[in-house]
N, C-alpha and C. Protein backbone atom coordinates (compact mmCIF):
# COMPACT_ATOMS: atom_id res chain seq x y z
N MET A 1 -65.51 -25.31 1.80
CA MET A 1 -64.94 -26.64 1.69
C MET A 1 -64.72 -26.95 0.22
N VAL A 2 -63.56 -27.51 -0.09
CA VAL A 2 -63.21 -27.85 -1.45
C VAL A 2 -63.25 -29.37 -1.60
N ASP A 3 -63.96 -29.84 -2.60
CA ASP A 3 -64.01 -31.28 -2.85
C ASP A 3 -62.72 -31.73 -3.51
N PRO A 4 -62.18 -32.88 -3.09
CA PRO A 4 -60.95 -33.37 -3.71
C PRO A 4 -61.23 -33.84 -5.14
N THR A 5 -60.20 -33.80 -5.96
CA THR A 5 -60.34 -34.30 -7.33
C THR A 5 -60.34 -35.82 -7.30
N GLU A 6 -60.80 -36.42 -8.37
CA GLU A 6 -60.78 -37.87 -8.49
C GLU A 6 -59.36 -38.42 -8.37
N GLU A 7 -58.39 -37.69 -8.93
CA GLU A 7 -56.98 -38.11 -8.85
C GLU A 7 -56.49 -38.09 -7.40
N GLN A 8 -56.88 -37.07 -6.62
CA GLN A 8 -56.47 -37.02 -5.21
C GLN A 8 -57.07 -38.19 -4.43
N VAL A 9 -58.33 -38.45 -4.64
CA VAL A 9 -58.99 -39.56 -3.95
C VAL A 9 -58.31 -40.87 -4.32
N GLN A 10 -58.03 -41.07 -5.60
CA GLN A 10 -57.37 -42.30 -6.03
C GLN A 10 -55.98 -42.41 -5.42
N GLY A 11 -55.26 -41.29 -5.34
CA GLY A 11 -53.93 -41.29 -4.73
C GLY A 11 -53.98 -41.68 -3.27
N TRP A 12 -54.94 -41.14 -2.53
CA TRP A 12 -55.11 -41.48 -1.12
C TRP A 12 -55.45 -42.96 -0.97
N TYR A 13 -56.34 -43.43 -1.84
CA TYR A 13 -56.74 -44.83 -1.80
C TYR A 13 -55.53 -45.73 -2.01
N GLU A 14 -54.72 -45.43 -3.02
CA GLU A 14 -53.54 -46.24 -3.31
C GLU A 14 -52.54 -46.19 -2.16
N GLN A 15 -52.39 -45.01 -1.55
CA GLN A 15 -51.46 -44.87 -0.43
C GLN A 15 -51.89 -45.77 0.73
N VAL A 16 -53.16 -45.77 1.04
CA VAL A 16 -53.68 -46.59 2.14
C VAL A 16 -53.63 -48.07 1.76
N ARG A 17 -54.01 -48.40 0.54
CA ARG A 17 -54.07 -49.79 0.09
C ARG A 17 -52.70 -50.45 0.06
N ASN A 18 -51.66 -49.68 -0.22
CA ASN A 18 -50.33 -50.24 -0.37
C ASN A 18 -49.53 -50.33 0.92
N HIS A 19 -50.14 -50.07 2.04
CA HIS A 19 -49.44 -50.17 3.32
C HIS A 19 -50.14 -51.19 4.20
N SER A 20 -49.42 -51.64 5.21
CA SER A 20 -50.00 -52.61 6.14
C SER A 20 -50.85 -51.90 7.19
N ASP A 21 -51.04 -50.62 7.04
CA ASP A 21 -51.82 -49.84 7.98
C ASP A 21 -53.31 -50.13 7.79
N GLN A 22 -54.13 -49.56 8.67
CA GLN A 22 -55.55 -49.84 8.63
C GLN A 22 -56.38 -48.56 8.62
N PHE A 23 -57.28 -48.47 7.67
CA PHE A 23 -58.21 -47.35 7.56
C PHE A 23 -59.60 -47.94 7.77
N LEU A 24 -60.28 -47.48 8.81
CA LEU A 24 -61.60 -48.00 9.17
C LEU A 24 -62.65 -46.92 9.01
N VAL A 25 -63.86 -47.33 8.62
CA VAL A 25 -64.97 -46.38 8.52
C VAL A 25 -66.14 -46.89 9.33
N ALA A 26 -66.94 -45.94 9.81
CA ALA A 26 -68.17 -46.26 10.54
C ALA A 26 -69.34 -45.77 9.70
N GLU A 27 -70.22 -46.68 9.38
CA GLU A 27 -71.37 -46.36 8.55
C GLU A 27 -72.64 -46.44 9.39
N VAL A 28 -73.47 -45.41 9.29
CA VAL A 28 -74.76 -45.38 9.97
C VAL A 28 -75.82 -45.07 8.93
N ASP A 29 -76.79 -45.94 8.78
CA ASP A 29 -77.88 -45.77 7.82
C ASP A 29 -77.36 -45.46 6.41
N GLY A 30 -76.31 -46.18 6.01
CA GLY A 30 -75.80 -46.05 4.65
C GLY A 30 -74.89 -44.87 4.39
N THR A 31 -74.56 -44.11 5.43
CA THR A 31 -73.70 -42.95 5.28
C THR A 31 -72.52 -43.06 6.23
N ILE A 32 -71.33 -42.76 5.73
CA ILE A 32 -70.15 -42.80 6.60
C ILE A 32 -70.23 -41.64 7.59
N ARG A 33 -70.15 -41.99 8.87
CA ARG A 33 -70.25 -41.00 9.94
C ARG A 33 -68.96 -40.85 10.73
N GLY A 34 -67.95 -41.66 10.42
CA GLY A 34 -66.67 -41.54 11.10
C GLY A 34 -65.64 -42.42 10.46
N TYR A 35 -64.38 -42.15 10.79
CA TYR A 35 -63.29 -42.99 10.30
C TYR A 35 -62.11 -42.91 11.26
N ALA A 36 -61.22 -43.89 11.13
CA ALA A 36 -59.99 -43.90 11.92
C ALA A 36 -58.88 -44.47 11.03
N TYR A 37 -57.67 -43.93 11.21
CA TYR A 37 -56.52 -44.35 10.41
C TYR A 37 -55.38 -44.69 11.34
N PHE A 38 -55.02 -45.96 11.37
CA PHE A 38 -53.95 -46.48 12.21
C PHE A 38 -52.74 -46.79 11.33
N ARG A 39 -51.55 -46.42 11.81
CA ARG A 39 -50.31 -46.67 11.06
C ARG A 39 -49.31 -47.39 11.94
N TRP A 40 -48.60 -48.35 11.33
CA TRP A 40 -47.53 -48.98 12.08
C TRP A 40 -46.34 -49.33 11.20
N SER A 41 -46.35 -48.90 9.98
CA SER A 41 -45.18 -49.13 9.13
C SER A 41 -44.17 -48.01 9.36
N ASP A 42 -42.92 -48.37 9.55
CA ASP A 42 -41.87 -47.42 9.93
C ASP A 42 -41.83 -46.15 9.10
N ALA A 43 -41.95 -46.27 7.79
CA ALA A 43 -41.79 -45.12 6.91
C ALA A 43 -42.93 -44.12 7.03
N GLU A 44 -44.06 -44.55 7.54
CA GLU A 44 -45.24 -43.69 7.53
C GLU A 44 -45.62 -43.09 8.88
N THR A 45 -45.02 -43.54 9.96
CA THR A 45 -45.40 -43.03 11.26
C THR A 45 -44.61 -41.78 11.59
N LYS A 46 -45.10 -41.02 12.54
CA LYS A 46 -44.41 -39.81 12.98
C LYS A 46 -43.21 -40.17 13.85
N GLY A 47 -42.33 -39.20 14.04
CA GLY A 47 -41.09 -39.43 14.77
C GLY A 47 -41.28 -39.86 16.22
N PHE A 48 -42.38 -39.52 16.84
CA PHE A 48 -42.60 -39.88 18.24
C PHE A 48 -43.10 -41.32 18.40
N VAL A 49 -43.34 -42.01 17.29
CA VAL A 49 -43.82 -43.40 17.32
C VAL A 49 -42.61 -44.32 17.15
N GLY A 50 -42.36 -45.16 18.16
CA GLY A 50 -41.21 -46.06 18.13
C GLY A 50 -41.42 -47.26 17.22
N GLU A 51 -40.36 -48.03 17.03
CA GLU A 51 -40.38 -49.20 16.14
C GLU A 51 -41.44 -50.22 16.51
N ASP A 52 -41.65 -50.42 17.80
CA ASP A 52 -42.61 -51.43 18.24
C ASP A 52 -43.96 -50.80 18.63
N GLU A 53 -44.22 -49.59 18.13
CA GLU A 53 -45.45 -48.87 18.45
C GLU A 53 -46.23 -48.58 17.18
N ALA A 54 -47.49 -48.20 17.35
CA ALA A 54 -48.34 -47.79 16.23
C ALA A 54 -48.81 -46.36 16.49
N GLY A 55 -49.21 -45.71 15.43
CA GLY A 55 -49.74 -44.35 15.54
C GLY A 55 -51.19 -44.31 15.13
N LEU A 56 -51.98 -43.56 15.86
CA LEU A 56 -53.35 -43.27 15.45
C LEU A 56 -53.27 -41.96 14.71
N LYS A 57 -53.20 -42.03 13.40
CA LYS A 57 -53.01 -40.85 12.56
C LYS A 57 -54.22 -39.93 12.66
N GLU A 58 -55.39 -40.50 12.53
CA GLU A 58 -56.61 -39.70 12.55
C GLU A 58 -57.76 -40.54 13.09
N ILE A 59 -58.63 -39.87 13.82
CA ILE A 59 -59.92 -40.45 14.15
C ILE A 59 -60.90 -39.29 14.10
N TYR A 60 -62.01 -39.50 13.44
CA TYR A 60 -62.99 -38.44 13.27
C TYR A 60 -64.39 -39.05 13.30
N VAL A 61 -65.27 -38.38 14.01
CA VAL A 61 -66.69 -38.75 14.03
C VAL A 61 -67.49 -37.48 13.80
N ASP A 62 -68.45 -37.55 12.92
CA ASP A 62 -69.35 -36.43 12.66
C ASP A 62 -69.89 -35.95 14.01
N PRO A 63 -69.73 -34.66 14.34
CA PRO A 63 -70.18 -34.16 15.65
C PRO A 63 -71.65 -34.44 15.96
N ASN A 64 -72.49 -34.58 14.93
CA ASN A 64 -73.90 -34.92 15.16
C ASN A 64 -74.06 -36.34 15.70
N TYR A 65 -72.98 -37.14 15.68
CA TYR A 65 -73.03 -38.52 16.14
C TYR A 65 -72.11 -38.78 17.32
N TRP A 66 -71.61 -37.70 17.93
CA TRP A 66 -70.79 -37.87 19.13
C TRP A 66 -71.63 -38.50 20.24
N ARG A 67 -70.96 -39.22 21.11
CA ARG A 67 -71.53 -39.87 22.28
C ARG A 67 -72.52 -40.98 21.92
N GLU A 68 -72.36 -41.54 20.72
CA GLU A 68 -73.18 -42.69 20.33
C GLU A 68 -72.34 -43.95 20.22
N GLY A 69 -71.07 -43.88 20.63
CA GLY A 69 -70.22 -45.05 20.64
C GLY A 69 -69.43 -45.30 19.36
N ILE A 70 -69.56 -44.43 18.38
CA ILE A 70 -68.88 -44.63 17.11
C ILE A 70 -67.36 -44.51 17.28
N GLY A 71 -66.90 -43.49 17.98
CA GLY A 71 -65.47 -43.32 18.20
C GLY A 71 -64.88 -44.48 18.98
N THR A 72 -65.59 -44.93 20.00
CA THR A 72 -65.13 -46.07 20.80
C THR A 72 -65.04 -47.32 19.93
N GLU A 73 -66.04 -47.55 19.11
CA GLU A 73 -66.03 -48.73 18.23
C GLU A 73 -64.87 -48.66 17.24
N LEU A 74 -64.63 -47.50 16.66
CA LEU A 74 -63.50 -47.35 15.73
C LEU A 74 -62.17 -47.62 16.44
N LEU A 75 -62.03 -47.09 17.64
CA LEU A 75 -60.80 -47.30 18.40
C LEU A 75 -60.62 -48.78 18.74
N GLU A 76 -61.67 -49.41 19.22
CA GLU A 76 -61.58 -50.82 19.59
C GLU A 76 -61.28 -51.72 18.40
N ARG A 77 -61.92 -51.46 17.27
CA ARG A 77 -61.65 -52.25 16.06
C ARG A 77 -60.21 -52.04 15.60
N GLY A 78 -59.74 -50.79 15.69
CA GLY A 78 -58.36 -50.51 15.31
C GLY A 78 -57.38 -51.25 16.20
N LEU A 79 -57.63 -51.27 17.49
CA LEU A 79 -56.76 -52.00 18.42
C LEU A 79 -56.76 -53.49 18.09
N ASP A 80 -57.90 -54.02 17.65
CA ASP A 80 -58.00 -55.44 17.30
C ASP A 80 -57.14 -55.81 16.10
N VAL A 81 -56.91 -54.88 15.18
CA VAL A 81 -56.16 -55.22 13.95
C VAL A 81 -54.67 -54.93 14.06
N LEU A 82 -54.25 -54.30 15.14
CA LEU A 82 -52.82 -54.03 15.29
C LEU A 82 -52.04 -55.34 15.41
N PRO A 83 -50.84 -55.39 14.85
CA PRO A 83 -50.02 -56.60 15.01
C PRO A 83 -49.78 -56.89 16.49
N ASP A 84 -49.61 -58.16 16.82
CA ASP A 84 -49.44 -58.60 18.21
C ASP A 84 -48.21 -58.01 18.88
N ASP A 85 -47.19 -57.65 18.10
CA ASP A 85 -45.96 -57.15 18.70
C ASP A 85 -45.96 -55.64 18.95
N VAL A 86 -47.07 -54.96 18.67
CA VAL A 86 -47.18 -53.52 18.95
C VAL A 86 -47.37 -53.33 20.44
N THR A 87 -46.49 -52.52 21.06
CA THR A 87 -46.53 -52.35 22.51
C THR A 87 -47.33 -51.14 22.96
N ALA A 88 -47.54 -50.17 22.04
CA ALA A 88 -48.26 -48.95 22.43
C ALA A 88 -48.88 -48.30 21.20
N LEU A 89 -49.94 -47.55 21.43
CA LEU A 89 -50.57 -46.75 20.38
C LEU A 89 -50.38 -45.29 20.78
N LYS A 90 -49.84 -44.48 19.86
CA LYS A 90 -49.59 -43.07 20.14
C LYS A 90 -50.33 -42.18 19.17
N LEU A 91 -50.62 -40.97 19.61
CA LEU A 91 -51.28 -39.99 18.76
C LEU A 91 -50.83 -38.59 19.15
N GLU A 92 -51.04 -37.67 18.25
CA GLU A 92 -50.75 -36.26 18.49
C GLU A 92 -52.01 -35.48 18.17
N MET A 93 -52.37 -34.57 19.08
CA MET A 93 -53.53 -33.71 18.83
C MET A 93 -53.22 -32.29 19.30
N LEU A 94 -53.96 -31.34 18.77
CA LEU A 94 -53.75 -29.96 19.15
C LEU A 94 -54.02 -29.77 20.64
N SER A 95 -53.15 -29.07 21.31
CA SER A 95 -53.35 -28.76 22.73
C SER A 95 -54.63 -27.96 22.89
N GLY A 96 -55.34 -28.22 23.96
CA GLY A 96 -56.58 -27.50 24.22
C GLY A 96 -57.81 -28.18 23.65
N ASN A 97 -57.64 -29.30 22.99
CA ASN A 97 -58.77 -30.04 22.43
C ASN A 97 -59.40 -30.84 23.57
N GLU A 98 -60.32 -30.23 24.28
CA GLU A 98 -60.91 -30.85 25.46
C GLU A 98 -61.73 -32.09 25.13
N ALA A 99 -62.47 -32.05 24.03
CA ALA A 99 -63.27 -33.22 23.66
C ALA A 99 -62.35 -34.39 23.37
N GLY A 100 -61.27 -34.15 22.66
CA GLY A 100 -60.30 -35.21 22.36
C GLY A 100 -59.63 -35.71 23.62
N ARG A 101 -59.21 -34.79 24.48
CA ARG A 101 -58.55 -35.18 25.74
C ARG A 101 -59.45 -36.10 26.56
N LYS A 102 -60.70 -35.71 26.73
CA LYS A 102 -61.64 -36.51 27.52
C LYS A 102 -61.84 -37.90 26.90
N PHE A 103 -61.99 -37.94 25.57
CA PHE A 103 -62.19 -39.21 24.88
C PHE A 103 -61.00 -40.13 25.10
N TYR A 104 -59.80 -39.63 24.83
CA TYR A 104 -58.63 -40.49 24.92
C TYR A 104 -58.33 -40.90 26.35
N GLU A 105 -58.45 -39.99 27.30
CA GLU A 105 -58.19 -40.36 28.69
C GLU A 105 -59.22 -41.38 29.19
N LYS A 106 -60.46 -41.25 28.74
CA LYS A 106 -61.51 -42.22 29.10
C LYS A 106 -61.13 -43.62 28.62
N HIS A 107 -60.38 -43.68 27.52
CA HIS A 107 -59.99 -44.97 26.94
C HIS A 107 -58.58 -45.40 27.33
N GLY A 108 -58.02 -44.79 28.37
CA GLY A 108 -56.76 -45.25 28.93
C GLY A 108 -55.49 -44.59 28.42
N PHE A 109 -55.61 -43.62 27.53
CA PHE A 109 -54.44 -42.91 27.04
C PHE A 109 -53.94 -41.95 28.11
N GLU A 110 -52.63 -41.72 28.12
CA GLU A 110 -52.02 -40.73 29.01
C GLU A 110 -51.20 -39.76 28.19
N ARG A 111 -51.24 -38.49 28.58
CA ARG A 111 -50.40 -37.50 27.90
C ARG A 111 -48.96 -37.76 28.31
N THR A 112 -48.11 -38.03 27.33
CA THR A 112 -46.73 -38.41 27.61
C THR A 112 -45.70 -37.42 27.07
N ASP A 113 -46.12 -36.45 26.28
CA ASP A 113 -45.18 -35.48 25.72
C ASP A 113 -45.95 -34.33 25.09
N THR A 114 -45.21 -33.33 24.68
CA THR A 114 -45.77 -32.21 23.93
C THR A 114 -44.88 -31.95 22.73
N SER A 115 -45.42 -31.24 21.76
CA SER A 115 -44.66 -30.93 20.56
C SER A 115 -45.28 -29.70 19.90
N GLU A 116 -44.89 -29.47 18.66
CA GLU A 116 -45.46 -28.39 17.86
C GLU A 116 -45.73 -28.94 16.47
N PHE A 117 -46.75 -28.38 15.83
CA PHE A 117 -47.12 -28.79 14.47
C PHE A 117 -47.35 -27.54 13.65
N GLU A 118 -46.74 -27.48 12.48
CA GLU A 118 -46.87 -26.30 11.63
C GLU A 118 -48.02 -26.47 10.66
N ILE A 119 -48.90 -25.49 10.66
CA ILE A 119 -49.99 -25.43 9.69
C ILE A 119 -49.88 -24.06 9.04
N GLY A 120 -49.62 -24.07 7.74
CA GLY A 120 -49.36 -22.80 7.05
C GLY A 120 -48.07 -22.24 7.58
N ASP A 121 -48.09 -20.99 8.01
CA ASP A 121 -46.91 -20.34 8.55
C ASP A 121 -46.95 -20.25 10.08
N ARG A 122 -47.83 -21.00 10.70
CA ARG A 122 -48.01 -20.88 12.14
C ARG A 122 -47.73 -22.21 12.84
N LEU A 123 -47.09 -22.11 14.00
CA LEU A 123 -46.84 -23.28 14.84
C LEU A 123 -47.94 -23.41 15.89
N TYR A 124 -48.43 -24.64 16.06
CA TYR A 124 -49.45 -24.92 17.05
C TYR A 124 -48.89 -25.91 18.06
N GLN A 125 -49.21 -25.72 19.32
CA GLN A 125 -48.79 -26.64 20.38
C GLN A 125 -49.64 -27.91 20.28
N THR A 126 -48.98 -29.04 20.48
CA THR A 126 -49.67 -30.32 20.43
C THR A 126 -49.34 -31.13 21.67
N ASP A 127 -50.19 -32.10 21.95
CA ASP A 127 -49.99 -33.06 23.03
C ASP A 127 -49.85 -34.45 22.40
N ILE A 128 -48.90 -35.22 22.92
CA ILE A 128 -48.71 -36.60 22.50
C ILE A 128 -49.34 -37.48 23.56
N TYR A 129 -50.22 -38.38 23.14
CA TYR A 129 -50.88 -39.31 24.04
C TYR A 129 -50.45 -40.74 23.71
N THR A 130 -50.34 -41.56 24.75
CA THR A 130 -49.91 -42.94 24.61
C THR A 130 -50.87 -43.87 25.33
N LEU A 131 -51.24 -44.95 24.64
CA LEU A 131 -51.98 -46.05 25.25
C LEU A 131 -51.03 -47.23 25.28
N GLN A 132 -50.61 -47.62 26.47
CA GLN A 132 -49.67 -48.73 26.62
C GLN A 132 -50.45 -50.03 26.46
N LEU A 133 -50.05 -50.86 25.50
CA LEU A 133 -50.76 -52.11 25.21
C LEU A 133 -50.10 -53.31 25.89
N GLN A 134 -48.79 -53.23 26.04
CA GLN A 134 -48.03 -54.28 26.71
C GLN A 134 -46.69 -53.67 27.12
N PRO A 135 -45.97 -54.31 28.01
CA PRO A 135 -44.69 -53.74 28.41
C PRO A 135 -43.77 -53.53 27.21
N ALA A 136 -43.11 -52.38 27.20
CA ALA A 136 -42.22 -52.05 26.07
C ALA A 136 -40.96 -52.89 26.08
């Protein structure tokens, strides 16, 4: 694992701070154990996210803290901060991610599409999940 430079961290901070998007963290006993990043500004969302939709860019919980409600709390808080006119929350994850599939389906998401994502020189199959918040 490579630690980011101070300049990289500052760049990420500025990127998040300058958008109407939301970056949430979960702290347990003074240590961050998870985070979630919600996006709804047109320029920053992926192509499968429509104008009246938001994207869940990332959600992560330290595996040592799985099944303690941290992921659910991050998701619920993120849903609370979305603008009222957002009709759906969408995300993309690697196909075959069973833990992710179970988590999202438990929270009402449905697999609505598939795609591919390039990492390095390799293409990986992905699944697009949608949580309908209100009629589109």
